[in-house]
N, C-alpha and C. Protein backbone atom coordinates (compact mmCIF):
# COMPACT_ATOMS: atom_id res chain seq x y z
N MET A 1 -10.84 21.86 24.89
CA MET A 1 -11.23 20.48 25.12
C MET A 1 -10.42 19.56 24.21
N THR A 2 -9.93 18.46 24.75
CA THR A 2 -9.16 17.48 23.99
C THR A 2 -10.11 16.42 23.47
N SER A 3 -9.95 16.08 22.17
CA SER A 3 -10.81 15.08 21.56
C SER A 3 -10.14 13.72 21.54
N LEU A 4 -10.94 12.69 21.61
CA LEU A 4 -10.49 11.32 21.51
C LEU A 4 -10.14 11.01 20.06
N ALA A 5 -9.04 10.29 19.83
CA ALA A 5 -8.67 9.80 18.49
C ALA A 5 -8.90 8.30 18.48
N HIS A 6 -9.59 7.80 17.45
CA HIS A 6 -9.95 6.38 17.43
C HIS A 6 -9.98 5.84 16.01
N LEU A 7 -9.42 4.65 15.82
CA LEU A 7 -9.56 3.88 14.59
C LEU A 7 -10.14 2.54 14.99
N ALA A 8 -11.18 2.10 14.30
CA ALA A 8 -11.84 0.85 14.67
C ALA A 8 -10.95 -0.36 14.41
N SER A 9 -10.16 -0.32 13.33
CA SER A 9 -9.36 -1.50 12.98
C SER A 9 -8.10 -1.08 12.24
N ALA A 10 -7.01 -0.86 12.98
CA ALA A 10 -5.75 -0.41 12.38
C ALA A 10 -5.24 -1.36 11.30
N PRO A 11 -5.42 -2.68 11.43
CA PRO A 11 -4.91 -3.56 10.36
C PRO A 11 -5.62 -3.36 9.02
N ASP A 12 -6.86 -2.82 9.06
CA ASP A 12 -7.66 -2.70 7.84
C ASP A 12 -7.86 -1.27 7.34
N VAL A 13 -7.43 -0.28 8.09
CA VAL A 13 -7.68 1.11 7.70
C VAL A 13 -7.00 1.42 6.36
N ARG A 14 -7.67 2.20 5.53
CA ARG A 14 -7.13 2.60 4.23
C ARG A 14 -6.13 3.74 4.45
N LEU A 15 -4.93 3.57 3.91
CA LEU A 15 -3.88 4.59 4.04
C LEU A 15 -3.85 5.46 2.80
N PRO A 16 -3.26 6.65 2.89
CA PRO A 16 -3.07 7.48 1.69
C PRO A 16 -2.22 6.74 0.66
N ALA A 17 -2.19 7.24 -0.55
CA ALA A 17 -1.39 6.63 -1.62
C ALA A 17 0.07 6.53 -1.19
N ALA A 18 0.69 5.40 -1.52
CA ALA A 18 2.10 5.19 -1.19
C ALA A 18 2.98 6.14 -1.98
N GLN A 19 4.07 6.55 -1.34
CA GLN A 19 5.05 7.46 -1.93
C GLN A 19 6.43 6.78 -1.90
N PRO A 20 7.35 7.20 -2.75
CA PRO A 20 8.71 6.64 -2.68
C PRO A 20 9.32 6.85 -1.30
N LYS A 21 9.97 5.83 -0.77
CA LYS A 21 10.64 5.91 0.54
C LYS A 21 11.98 6.61 0.35
N PRO A 22 12.18 7.78 0.96
CA PRO A 22 13.41 8.56 0.71
C PRO A 22 14.71 7.83 1.04
N THR A 23 14.71 6.97 2.05
CA THR A 23 15.96 6.30 2.45
C THR A 23 16.04 4.87 1.93
N SER A 24 15.18 4.52 0.95
CA SER A 24 15.18 3.17 0.41
C SER A 24 16.47 2.89 -0.36
N LEU A 25 16.97 1.68 -0.17
CA LEU A 25 18.13 1.21 -0.92
C LEU A 25 17.71 0.41 -2.15
N THR A 26 16.38 0.12 -2.24
CA THR A 26 15.88 -0.76 -3.29
C THR A 26 14.68 -0.20 -4.04
N GLY A 27 14.34 1.08 -3.83
CA GLY A 27 13.26 1.71 -4.58
C GLY A 27 11.85 1.44 -4.08
N GLN A 28 11.69 1.08 -2.82
CA GLN A 28 10.35 0.76 -2.31
C GLN A 28 9.54 2.02 -1.98
N SER A 29 8.24 1.80 -1.73
CA SER A 29 7.31 2.88 -1.37
C SER A 29 6.76 2.64 0.02
N GLU A 30 6.23 3.72 0.63
CA GLU A 30 5.65 3.67 1.96
C GLU A 30 4.41 4.55 2.00
N ALA A 31 3.55 4.28 2.97
CA ALA A 31 2.36 5.10 3.20
C ALA A 31 2.18 5.25 4.70
N ALA A 32 1.66 6.38 5.12
CA ALA A 32 1.45 6.62 6.55
C ALA A 32 0.20 7.46 6.77
N LEU A 33 -0.42 7.24 7.91
CA LEU A 33 -1.58 8.00 8.32
C LEU A 33 -1.36 8.44 9.76
N GLU A 34 -1.24 9.75 9.98
CA GLU A 34 -1.14 10.26 11.35
C GLU A 34 -2.51 10.19 11.99
N VAL A 35 -2.57 9.61 13.19
CA VAL A 35 -3.84 9.49 13.90
C VAL A 35 -4.01 10.62 14.91
N TRP A 36 -2.89 11.00 15.57
CA TRP A 36 -2.96 12.04 16.60
C TRP A 36 -1.58 12.61 16.83
N SER A 37 -1.53 13.92 17.16
CA SER A 37 -0.26 14.57 17.49
C SER A 37 -0.54 15.76 18.40
N ASP A 38 0.39 16.00 19.32
CA ASP A 38 0.31 17.20 20.15
C ASP A 38 1.55 18.07 19.98
N GLY A 39 2.33 17.80 18.94
CA GLY A 39 3.55 18.56 18.69
C GLY A 39 4.80 17.92 19.28
N ARG A 40 4.66 17.13 20.31
CA ARG A 40 5.80 16.41 20.90
C ARG A 40 5.66 14.90 20.69
N THR A 41 4.43 14.43 20.75
CA THR A 41 4.14 13.01 20.59
C THR A 41 3.22 12.84 19.38
N GLU A 42 3.48 11.81 18.60
CA GLU A 42 2.66 11.53 17.42
C GLU A 42 2.38 10.03 17.37
N THR A 43 1.21 9.67 16.90
CA THR A 43 0.89 8.27 16.70
C THR A 43 0.20 8.09 15.36
N GLY A 44 0.40 6.92 14.77
CA GLY A 44 -0.20 6.68 13.48
C GLY A 44 0.01 5.25 13.02
N ILE A 45 -0.28 5.06 11.73
CA ILE A 45 -0.14 3.76 11.08
C ILE A 45 0.78 3.96 9.88
N TRP A 46 1.68 3.02 9.68
CA TRP A 46 2.67 3.10 8.60
C TRP A 46 2.75 1.75 7.92
N GLU A 47 2.96 1.77 6.60
CA GLU A 47 3.10 0.54 5.84
C GLU A 47 4.22 0.72 4.82
N CYS A 48 4.97 -0.35 4.57
CA CYS A 48 6.08 -0.30 3.62
C CYS A 48 6.17 -1.62 2.89
N GLU A 49 6.42 -1.54 1.58
CA GLU A 49 6.53 -2.76 0.78
C GLU A 49 7.93 -3.37 0.93
N PRO A 50 8.10 -4.60 0.47
CA PRO A 50 9.39 -5.28 0.62
C PRO A 50 10.55 -4.51 -0.01
N GLY A 51 11.70 -4.68 0.63
CA GLY A 51 12.93 -4.01 0.20
C GLY A 51 13.74 -3.64 1.42
N SER A 52 14.77 -2.82 1.22
CA SER A 52 15.66 -2.41 2.32
C SER A 52 15.75 -0.90 2.37
N PHE A 53 15.84 -0.37 3.61
CA PHE A 53 16.04 1.07 3.78
C PHE A 53 16.81 1.32 5.07
N THR A 54 17.45 2.46 5.11
CA THR A 54 18.16 2.88 6.32
C THR A 54 17.23 3.75 7.15
N ALA A 55 17.49 3.77 8.46
CA ALA A 55 16.69 4.57 9.38
C ALA A 55 17.59 5.12 10.48
N VAL A 56 17.30 6.34 10.89
CA VAL A 56 18.01 6.99 12.00
C VAL A 56 16.96 7.61 12.90
N ARG A 57 17.03 7.30 14.17
CA ARG A 57 16.14 7.92 15.15
C ARG A 57 16.97 8.98 15.86
N ASP A 58 16.83 10.20 15.42
CA ASP A 58 17.62 11.32 15.94
C ASP A 58 16.67 12.38 16.46
N GLY A 59 16.61 12.52 17.78
CA GLY A 59 15.75 13.52 18.39
C GLY A 59 14.39 12.98 18.81
N PHE A 60 14.19 11.68 18.67
CA PHE A 60 12.93 11.09 19.12
C PHE A 60 13.08 9.59 19.37
N HIS A 61 12.21 9.09 20.23
CA HIS A 61 12.06 7.65 20.45
C HIS A 61 10.88 7.20 19.59
N GLU A 62 10.89 5.93 19.15
CA GLU A 62 9.75 5.36 18.42
C GLU A 62 9.41 4.00 19.01
N ILE A 63 8.12 3.81 19.29
CA ILE A 63 7.61 2.53 19.76
C ILE A 63 6.68 2.01 18.66
N CYS A 64 6.91 0.76 18.21
CA CYS A 64 6.14 0.18 17.11
C CYS A 64 5.49 -1.13 17.53
N GLN A 65 4.28 -1.33 17.07
CA GLN A 65 3.57 -2.61 17.21
C GLN A 65 3.32 -3.12 15.79
N ILE A 66 3.88 -4.28 15.45
CA ILE A 66 3.75 -4.83 14.11
C ILE A 66 2.38 -5.50 13.97
N LEU A 67 1.62 -5.08 12.96
CA LEU A 67 0.28 -5.62 12.70
C LEU A 67 0.30 -6.71 11.64
N ALA A 68 1.17 -6.55 10.62
CA ALA A 68 1.23 -7.49 9.51
C ALA A 68 2.61 -7.43 8.89
N GLY A 69 3.02 -8.52 8.23
CA GLY A 69 4.28 -8.56 7.51
C GLY A 69 5.44 -9.03 8.36
N ARG A 70 6.61 -9.04 7.72
CA ARG A 70 7.82 -9.50 8.39
C ARG A 70 9.00 -8.64 7.95
N ALA A 71 9.92 -8.40 8.89
CA ALA A 71 11.12 -7.61 8.60
C ALA A 71 12.23 -8.01 9.55
N THR A 72 13.45 -7.70 9.14
CA THR A 72 14.62 -7.87 9.98
C THR A 72 15.23 -6.49 10.19
N LEU A 73 15.45 -6.12 11.45
CA LEU A 73 16.13 -4.87 11.78
C LEU A 73 17.56 -5.21 12.15
N THR A 74 18.51 -4.47 11.59
CA THR A 74 19.91 -4.64 11.95
C THR A 74 20.44 -3.28 12.37
N GLY A 75 20.78 -3.16 13.65
CA GLY A 75 21.32 -1.91 14.15
C GLY A 75 22.78 -1.75 13.77
N GLU A 76 23.25 -0.51 13.74
CA GLU A 76 24.67 -0.26 13.48
C GLU A 76 25.56 -0.92 14.52
N ASP A 77 24.97 -1.22 15.69
CA ASP A 77 25.73 -1.91 16.75
C ASP A 77 25.80 -3.42 16.52
N GLY A 78 25.15 -3.92 15.43
CA GLY A 78 25.18 -5.33 15.10
C GLY A 78 24.00 -6.13 15.64
N GLN A 79 23.17 -5.54 16.51
CA GLN A 79 22.01 -6.25 17.03
C GLN A 79 21.01 -6.51 15.90
N VAL A 80 20.50 -7.74 15.84
CA VAL A 80 19.53 -8.13 14.82
C VAL A 80 18.23 -8.54 15.51
N VAL A 81 17.10 -8.00 15.01
CA VAL A 81 15.79 -8.31 15.56
C VAL A 81 14.87 -8.72 14.43
N GLU A 82 14.16 -9.83 14.61
CA GLU A 82 13.16 -10.30 13.64
C GLU A 82 11.79 -9.78 14.08
N LEU A 83 11.09 -9.13 13.15
CA LEU A 83 9.76 -8.60 13.44
C LEU A 83 8.71 -9.39 12.69
N ALA A 84 7.59 -9.67 13.36
CA ALA A 84 6.45 -10.39 12.80
C ALA A 84 5.20 -9.84 13.47
N PRO A 85 4.02 -10.17 12.97
CA PRO A 85 2.79 -9.69 13.61
C PRO A 85 2.81 -10.00 15.11
N GLY A 86 2.47 -8.98 15.89
CA GLY A 86 2.48 -9.10 17.35
C GLY A 86 3.76 -8.59 17.99
N SER A 87 4.82 -8.39 17.21
CA SER A 87 6.08 -7.87 17.76
C SER A 87 5.93 -6.42 18.19
N THR A 88 6.61 -6.08 19.26
CA THR A 88 6.74 -4.69 19.70
C THR A 88 8.22 -4.37 19.73
N VAL A 89 8.59 -3.22 19.19
CA VAL A 89 10.00 -2.83 19.18
C VAL A 89 10.10 -1.36 19.57
N VAL A 90 11.13 -1.04 20.33
CA VAL A 90 11.42 0.34 20.72
C VAL A 90 12.73 0.74 20.06
N LEU A 91 12.67 1.81 19.27
CA LEU A 91 13.86 2.38 18.64
C LEU A 91 14.16 3.68 19.37
N PRO A 92 15.14 3.66 20.28
CA PRO A 92 15.41 4.84 21.10
C PRO A 92 16.14 5.93 20.32
N ASP A 93 16.04 7.13 20.83
CA ASP A 93 16.78 8.26 20.28
C ASP A 93 18.24 7.85 20.12
N GLY A 94 18.79 8.06 18.94
CA GLY A 94 20.16 7.70 18.66
C GLY A 94 20.32 6.39 17.90
N TRP A 95 19.24 5.58 17.82
CA TRP A 95 19.33 4.31 17.10
C TRP A 95 19.46 4.56 15.60
N SER A 96 20.28 3.76 14.94
CA SER A 96 20.35 3.79 13.48
C SER A 96 20.63 2.38 12.99
N GLY A 97 20.15 2.10 11.80
CA GLY A 97 20.34 0.78 11.23
C GLY A 97 19.58 0.61 9.94
N THR A 98 19.33 -0.65 9.60
CA THR A 98 18.68 -1.00 8.34
C THR A 98 17.46 -1.87 8.61
N TRP A 99 16.39 -1.58 7.90
CA TRP A 99 15.20 -2.43 7.86
C TRP A 99 15.27 -3.24 6.58
N ASP A 100 15.16 -4.55 6.67
CA ASP A 100 15.00 -5.43 5.51
C ASP A 100 13.58 -5.99 5.60
N VAL A 101 12.70 -5.46 4.77
CA VAL A 101 11.29 -5.84 4.79
C VAL A 101 11.11 -7.03 3.86
N HIS A 102 10.68 -8.17 4.41
CA HIS A 102 10.51 -9.40 3.64
C HIS A 102 9.11 -9.53 3.07
N GLU A 103 8.10 -9.09 3.83
CA GLU A 103 6.70 -9.07 3.42
C GLU A 103 6.17 -7.70 3.79
N THR A 104 5.31 -7.12 2.94
CA THR A 104 4.77 -5.79 3.24
C THR A 104 4.43 -5.71 4.72
N ILE A 105 4.98 -4.68 5.37
CA ILE A 105 4.84 -4.55 6.82
C ILE A 105 3.93 -3.37 7.14
N ARG A 106 3.09 -3.57 8.14
CA ARG A 106 2.21 -2.51 8.65
C ARG A 106 2.40 -2.46 10.15
N LYS A 107 2.53 -1.24 10.65
CA LYS A 107 2.73 -1.07 12.09
C LYS A 107 1.94 0.13 12.57
N THR A 108 1.61 0.11 13.86
CA THR A 108 1.22 1.34 14.53
C THR A 108 2.50 1.86 15.17
N TYR A 109 2.58 3.16 15.32
CA TYR A 109 3.77 3.75 15.92
C TYR A 109 3.41 4.90 16.82
N VAL A 110 4.28 5.14 17.78
CA VAL A 110 4.24 6.33 18.63
C VAL A 110 5.64 6.90 18.61
N THR A 111 5.77 8.17 18.27
CA THR A 111 7.07 8.84 18.37
C THR A 111 6.97 9.90 19.46
N ILE A 112 8.06 10.03 20.20
CA ILE A 112 8.13 11.00 21.30
C ILE A 112 9.41 11.80 21.12
N ARG A 113 9.25 13.09 20.86
CA ARG A 113 10.44 13.96 20.69
C ARG A 113 11.18 14.06 22.01
N THR A 114 12.51 14.07 21.91
CA THR A 114 13.34 14.22 23.10
C THR A 114 13.89 15.64 23.14
N ALA A 115 14.23 16.09 24.32
CA ALA A 115 14.78 17.43 24.49
C ALA A 115 16.27 17.40 24.15
N HIS A 116 16.70 18.26 23.25
CA HIS A 116 18.12 18.38 22.91
C HIS A 116 18.55 19.80 23.11
């Protein structure tokens, strides 16, 4: 039997203690809470403090809904996207770039592994 996964209020849920962000260029920390996973698809809540970090989506797609904060995404292809509460962004398999977090950002995310 498959169970329902539910959070009453993603913007307010308490996350685990923040840890150093491995790809940070400025020493920032991040925290994440996995809500559900079936081995191929995962969903959760993630938060990161201001600063800059690199990101590579290799082997999975990521869909994000921004709940709080502001950031600028700059892809290696030069595309620039401004994120704010209410923004939805899709980072497809193969995307790479930099996140510049201006205000602590919180998002819900869904990742979907791709077949390689």
